[in-house]
Amino acid sequence: MSRARIGLINNRGCQIGRNISMTDLIEVSRIKRTRSSVVALHCSLGSGRQWTRLAAQLGGNYQFIAPDISGYGGNAGSLDLPMTLAQEVEFLSDRIGEAAGPIHLVGHSYGGAIAFKIATDSPFANRVRSLTLIEPVLPTLLCDVSADARLHQRFAGVAHDVCHDLWNGSVLEAIDKFTTFWNGSGPSEPLPPGARLRMIEQAEKLAFDFRALFAEQGVAAQAAALRAPTLLLSGGLSPYLTQRIVQRLAWLIDGADARHLPRAGHMLPITHASLVNPEIARHIVRADELAELPLAFGQGVAEAMCLAKD
């Protein structure tokens, strides 16, 4: 019987895989797939509503959980705010614990940093079937390479200025500095009054977000040890800080699939949802299919042994 070679190309150009017969491929389609869940985490000053169009893209095939991170959305009144990413994960643990079966993690910006923490160093890490990171903010990763240190220093300067304004009660100035930085090289557009008001009400949490990000250590080692299929997305109009973080992660994470949208900015999961969401959906489906292959092979072998005995 003819055989096909199915493999994955890792980020060092090596092919890995195994020989699969056509019978095996047929068996894959016969396996009843275990229902899995999608947990999507939003950016700073956002809410879980950010992912409405992604939920629609997935079409109800997954349990979809898009919680509000501490200090934002429905949790804007939180008094005990996390100061580390580990504490952010602990705050979200009840919502993540509602997920049925394996978990597909999706995270954007600050939510991407939390998603990375969940996938690499949390009680939920062994349940993560796939990871999608959209410009995750992991600035300490840039300390590992001397040429990137200036990006880390500039971001630290932005954090200092924003926190200084917040401490002095200059909330509008803090919001302006924060949004100007994340606008990158994209065109400046005024915020709708409603969005601006929500940002002002939740601005205090930014200081805690910055503290958590700069406290995170060992990012490079955690990325190198990551084994979940990972999709990385970045925009060409974003601050070079996050573009560079995505580049570094693409080199460190074995088999990572990196996609770059040259005309998109940092808010690409919203502004370019029609391009981003299909990529995320394909990545999730592919991860489920890959996870089911060993089960299909095992079932095929077991059936063959039973037939041989008969």
Foldseek 3Di string as FASTA:
>chain_A
DDWDWDFFQKLVRDTDGDIDHPVLVVLLVVDDFDAWAEEEEEAPLAALVLCPVLVVVLPPSHHYHRGGFACADVNVVPDDHAQALQVSCVVCVVRVVVIPAAYAYEYAALRLVSQLCLCQPDPNVVRHLEYEYELYQQLVVQVVDPVSVVVSVVVVVLLVVLVVCVVVVVLVVSVVSVVVQFQAQPDDDDDDPVSVVSCSSRVVCSNSSVSRNVVDPDSLVSLLPGDHAYEYEYEQRGHVSSVVVSVSSSNRHISYHYDYHDHDGSSCCRVVVVPPSVVSSVSVVVSSSVVSSVVSVVVVVVVVVVVVVD
